[in-house]
C-alpha atoms as a PDB file:
ATOM      1  CA  MET A   1     157.589 142.998  75.347  1.00  0.00           C
ATOM      2  CA  GLN A   2     153.973 141.808  75.393  1.00  0.00           C
ATOM      3  CA  LYS A   3     152.972 144.410  72.790  1.00  0.00           C
ATOM      4  CA  LEU A   4     155.547 142.899  70.496  1.00  0.00           C
ATOM      5  CA  ILE A   5     153.707 139.586  70.385  1.00  0.00           C
ATOM      6  CA  THR A   6     150.797 141.171  68.581  1.00  0.00           C
ATOM      7  CA  THR A   7     152.681 143.669  66.462  1.00  0.00           C
ATOM      8  CA  VAL A   8     155.613 141.755  65.027  1.00  0.00           C
ATOM      9  CA  PHE A   9     154.343 139.723  62.155  1.00  0.00           C
ATOM     10  CA  VAL A  10     155.748 137.864  59.245  1.00  0.00           C
ATOM     11  CA  ALA A  11     154.690 138.905  55.779  1.00  0.00           C
ATOM     12  CA  PHE A  12     155.552 136.268  53.280  1.00  0.00           C
ATOM     13  CA  PHE A  13     156.429 136.903  49.654  1.00  0.00           C
ATOM     14  CA  ILE A  14     157.683 134.272  47.294  1.00  0.00           C
ATOM     15  CA  LEU A  15     160.567 134.785  44.955  1.00  0.00           C
ATOM     16  CA  VAL A  16     159.625 131.431  43.552  1.00  0.00           C
ATOM     17  CA  GLY A  17     163.077 130.657  42.450  1.00  0.00           C
ATOM     18  CA  VAL A  18     162.984 126.997  41.806  1.00  0.00           C
ATOM     19  CA  SER A  19     166.573 126.685  40.662  1.00  0.00           C
ATOM     20  CA  SER A  20     166.232 122.924  40.691  1.00  0.00           C
ATOM     21  CA  ALA A  21     163.354 120.710  41.697  1.00  0.00           C
ATOM     22  CA  ALA A  22     164.895 120.405  45.145  1.00  0.00           C
ATOM     23  CA  ASP A  23     165.323 124.121  45.961  1.00  0.00           C
ATOM     24  CA  LEU A  24     162.451 126.291  47.093  1.00  0.00           C
ATOM     25  CA  SER A  25     163.394 129.939  47.642  1.00  0.00           C
ATOM     26  CA  VAL A  26     161.266 132.342  49.654  1.00  0.00           C
ATOM     27  CA  THR A  27     161.690 135.842  51.035  1.00  0.00           C
ATOM     28  CA  LEU A  28     160.420 136.585  54.515  1.00  0.00           C
ATOM     29  CA  ASN A  29     159.595 140.190  55.373  1.00  0.00           C
ATOM     30  CA  VAL A  30     159.523 140.937  59.090  1.00  0.00           C
ATOM     31  CA  ASN A  31     158.061 144.262  60.200  1.00  0.00           C
ATOM     32  CA  LYS A  32     159.763 145.719  63.257  1.00  0.00           C
ATOM     33  CA  GLY A  33     157.471 146.089  66.261  1.00  0.00           C
ATOM     34  CA  PRO A  34     157.053 149.260  68.344  1.00  0.00           C
ATOM     35  CA  GLU A  35     159.578 148.264  71.007  1.00  0.00           C
ATOM     36  CA  VAL A  36     162.604 150.543  70.994  1.00  0.00           C
ATOM     37  CA  ASP A  37     165.116 148.115  72.511  1.00  0.00           C
ATOM     38  CA  ILE A  38     165.011 145.155  70.086  1.00  0.00           C
ATOM     39  CA  GLN A  39     168.460 143.793  69.254  1.00  0.00           C
ATOM     40  CA  GLU A  40     167.761 140.472  67.532  1.00  0.00           C
ATOM     41  CA  TYR A  41     165.202 138.602  65.461  1.00  0.00           C
ATOM     42  CA  LYS A  42     165.202 134.798  65.262  1.00  0.00           C
ATOM     43  CA  LEU A  43     163.598 132.644  62.583  1.00  0.00           C
ATOM     44  CA  TYR A  44     162.076 129.281  63.496  1.00  0.00           C
ATOM     45  CA  THR A  45     161.061 126.771  60.816  1.00  0.00           C
ATOM     46  CA  GLY A  46     159.281 123.447  60.803  1.00  0.00           C
ATOM     47  CA  GLN A  47     157.174 120.990  58.857  1.00  0.00           C
ATOM     48  CA  SER A  48     154.123 121.920  60.937  1.00  0.00           C
ATOM     49  CA  GLU A  49     152.846 124.966  62.793  1.00  0.00           C
ATOM     50  CA  GLN A  50     153.331 123.093  66.058  1.00  0.00           C
ATOM     51  CA  GLU A  51     157.032 122.495  65.351  1.00  0.00           C
ATOM     52  CA  VAL A  52     157.467 126.256  64.964  1.00  0.00           C
ATOM     53  CA  ILE A  53     155.441 127.101  68.079  1.00  0.00           C
ATOM     54  CA  ASP A  54     157.366 124.492  70.119  1.00  0.00           C
ATOM     55  CA  LYS A  55     160.695 125.717  68.675  1.00  0.00           C
ATOM     56  CA  THR A  56     161.533 122.119  67.761  1.00  0.00           C
ATOM     57  CA  ASN A  57     164.296 123.133  65.341  1.00  0.00           C
ATOM     58  CA  PRO A  58     167.211 125.481  66.136  1.00  0.00           C
ATOM     59  CA  ALA A  59     166.612 129.170  65.481  1.00  0.00           C
ATOM     60  CA  GLU A  60     168.400 131.063  62.750  1.00  0.00           C
ATOM     61  CA  GLN A  61     169.382 134.644  63.524  1.00  0.00           C
ATOM     62  CA  ILE A  62     167.989 136.914  60.807  1.00  0.00           C
ATOM     63  CA  ALA A  63     168.905 140.329  62.247  1.00  0.00           C
ATOM     64  CA  PHE A  64     171.180 141.523  65.000  1.00  0.00           C
ATOM     65  CA  GLY A  65     172.427 144.917  66.045  1.00  0.00           C
ATOM     66  CA  THR A  66     171.671 147.850  68.232  1.00  0.00           C
ATOM     67  CA  PRO A  67     168.069 149.059  68.331  1.00  0.00           C
ATOM     68  CA  ASP A  68     169.117 151.981  66.091  1.00  0.00           C
ATOM     69  CA  THR A  69     170.649 149.772  63.396  1.00  0.00           C
ATOM     70  CA  ILE A  70     167.874 147.196  62.906  1.00  0.00           C
ATOM     71  CA  PRO A  71     165.722 148.315  59.945  1.00  0.00           C
ATOM     72  CA  ASP A  72     161.947 148.758  60.122  1.00  0.00           C
ATOM     73  CA  VAL A  73     161.457 145.920  57.625  1.00  0.00           C
ATOM     74  CA  ILE A  74     163.845 142.998  57.489  1.00  0.00           C
ATOM     75  CA  SER A  75     163.822 141.040  54.218  1.00  0.00           C
ATOM     76  CA  TYR A  76     165.401 137.640  54.616  1.00  0.00           C
ATOM     77  CA  GLY A  77     166.007 135.162  51.803  1.00  0.00           C
ATOM     78  CA  TYR A  78     165.595 131.527  52.746  1.00  0.00           C
ATOM     79  CA  THR A  79     166.109 128.388  50.662  1.00  0.00           C
ATOM     80  CA  VAL A  80     164.451 125.135  51.632  1.00  0.00           C
ATOM     81  CA  GLN A  81     165.821 121.842  50.357  1.00  0.00           C
ATOM     82  CA  VAL A  82     162.873 119.639  49.403  1.00  0.00           C
ATOM     83  CA  PRO A  83     162.899 116.132  47.952  1.00  0.00           C
ATOM     84  CA  ASP A  84     162.366 115.733  44.215  1.00  0.00           C
ATOM     85  CA  ALA A  85     158.919 114.490  43.243  1.00  0.00           C
ATOM     86  CA  SER A  86     157.385 115.544  46.542  1.00  0.00           C
ATOM     87  CA  GLU A  87     154.819 117.893  47.970  1.00  0.00           C
ATOM     88  CA  GLY A  88     154.529 119.498  51.362  1.00  0.00           C
ATOM     89  CA  SER A  89     154.778 122.731  53.328  1.00  0.00           C
ATOM     90  CA  VAL A  90     157.311 124.592  55.410  1.00  0.00           C
ATOM     91  CA  TYR A  91     156.232 126.892  58.242  1.00  0.00           C
ATOM     92  CA  PHE A  92     157.942 130.027  59.561  1.00  0.00           C
ATOM     93  CA  GLY A  93     157.748 132.054  62.765  1.00  0.00           C
ATOM     94  CA  VAL A  94     159.841 134.881  64.194  1.00  0.00           C
ATOM     95  CA  THR A  95     160.651 136.068  67.703  1.00  0.00           C
ATOM     96  CA  ALA A  96     162.331 139.270  68.851  1.00  0.00           C
ATOM     97  CA  THR A  97     164.835 139.642  71.680  1.00  0.00           C
ATOM     98  CA  ASP A  98     165.371 142.918  73.506  1.00  0.00           C
ATOM     99  CA  THR A  99     168.575 144.319  74.969  1.00  0.00           C
ATOM    100  CA  SER A 100     167.779 142.685  78.345  1.00  0.00           C
ATOM    101  CA  GLY A 101     167.654 139.233  76.724  1.00  0.00           C
ATOM    102  CA  ASN A 102     163.851 138.830  76.891  1.00  0.00           C
ATOM    103  CA  GLU A 103     162.462 136.855  73.950  1.00  0.00           C
ATOM    104  CA  SER A 104     158.977 137.661  72.672  1.00  0.00           C
ATOM    105  CA  GLY A 105     156.298 135.128  71.975  1.00  0.00           C
ATOM    106  CA  MET A 106     156.089 133.648  68.492  1.00  0.00           C
ATOM    107  CA  SER A 107     154.837 135.835  65.644  1.00  0.00           C
ATOM    108  CA  ASN A 108     152.021 134.663  63.438  1.00  0.00           C
ATOM    109  CA  ILE A 109     152.950 131.516  61.504  1.00  0.00           C
ATOM    110  CA  ALA A 110     153.449 131.867  57.746  1.00  0.00           C
ATOM    111  CA  SER A 111     153.821 128.933  55.381  1.00  0.00           C
ATOM    112  CA  LYS A 112     154.840 128.017  51.859  1.00  0.00           C
ATOM    113  CA  SER A 113     153.682 124.870  50.117  1.00  0.00           C
ATOM    114  CA  TRP A 114     155.217 123.099  47.163  1.00  0.00           C
ATOM    115  CA  ASP A 115     154.062 120.449  44.740  1.00  0.00           C
ATOM    116  CA  PHE A 116     156.716 118.813  42.591  1.00  0.00           C
ATOM    117  CA  LEU A 117     154.612 115.697  41.982  1.00  0.00           C
ATOM    118  CA  ALA A 118     153.680 114.865  38.427  1.00  0.00           C
ATOM    119  CA  PRO A 119     150.020 114.082  37.794  1.00  0.00           C
ATOM    120  CA  ALA A 120     149.039 110.417  37.829  1.00  0.00           C
ATOM    121  CA  PRO A 121     149.152 108.713  34.404  1.00  0.00           C
ATOM    122  CA  LEU A 122     145.924 108.764  32.459  1.00  0.00           C
ATOM    123  CA  VAL A 123     144.045 105.615  31.621  1.00  0.00           C
ATOM    124  CA  ILE A 124     142.826 105.326  28.054  1.00  0.00           C
ATOM    125  CA  SER A 125     140.947 102.666  26.191  1.00  0.00           C
ATOM    126  CA  VAL A 126     140.331 101.804  22.573  1.00  0.00           C
ATOM    127  CA  GLU A 127     137.050 100.448  21.225  1.00  0.00           C
END
């Protein structure tokens, strides 16, 4: 399971589907590690890297099955609700669980930032 910590990583590609100012859509691509007995991948999210590392928020199962049925690359669509006229970031991490119930350490942390703030008004003068 220790090998998995260094080999499972999250590649992060954006489908930048901003269907409204409050929806931010991303696609997470998780590459399967070399372990042959993985049965589940869990996604952890947060507003900081530390929230992901500490598993502050509940995990979301992104793949489950027998080791033979989990694909080599798991593409997972995720939509984040963000406030209008805001800016910030969301962070993602993934763990793997084997058939004995052992959960790996956290993958690398990937993030996506957004900026829905309008620029500040300009100041003009007339002479």
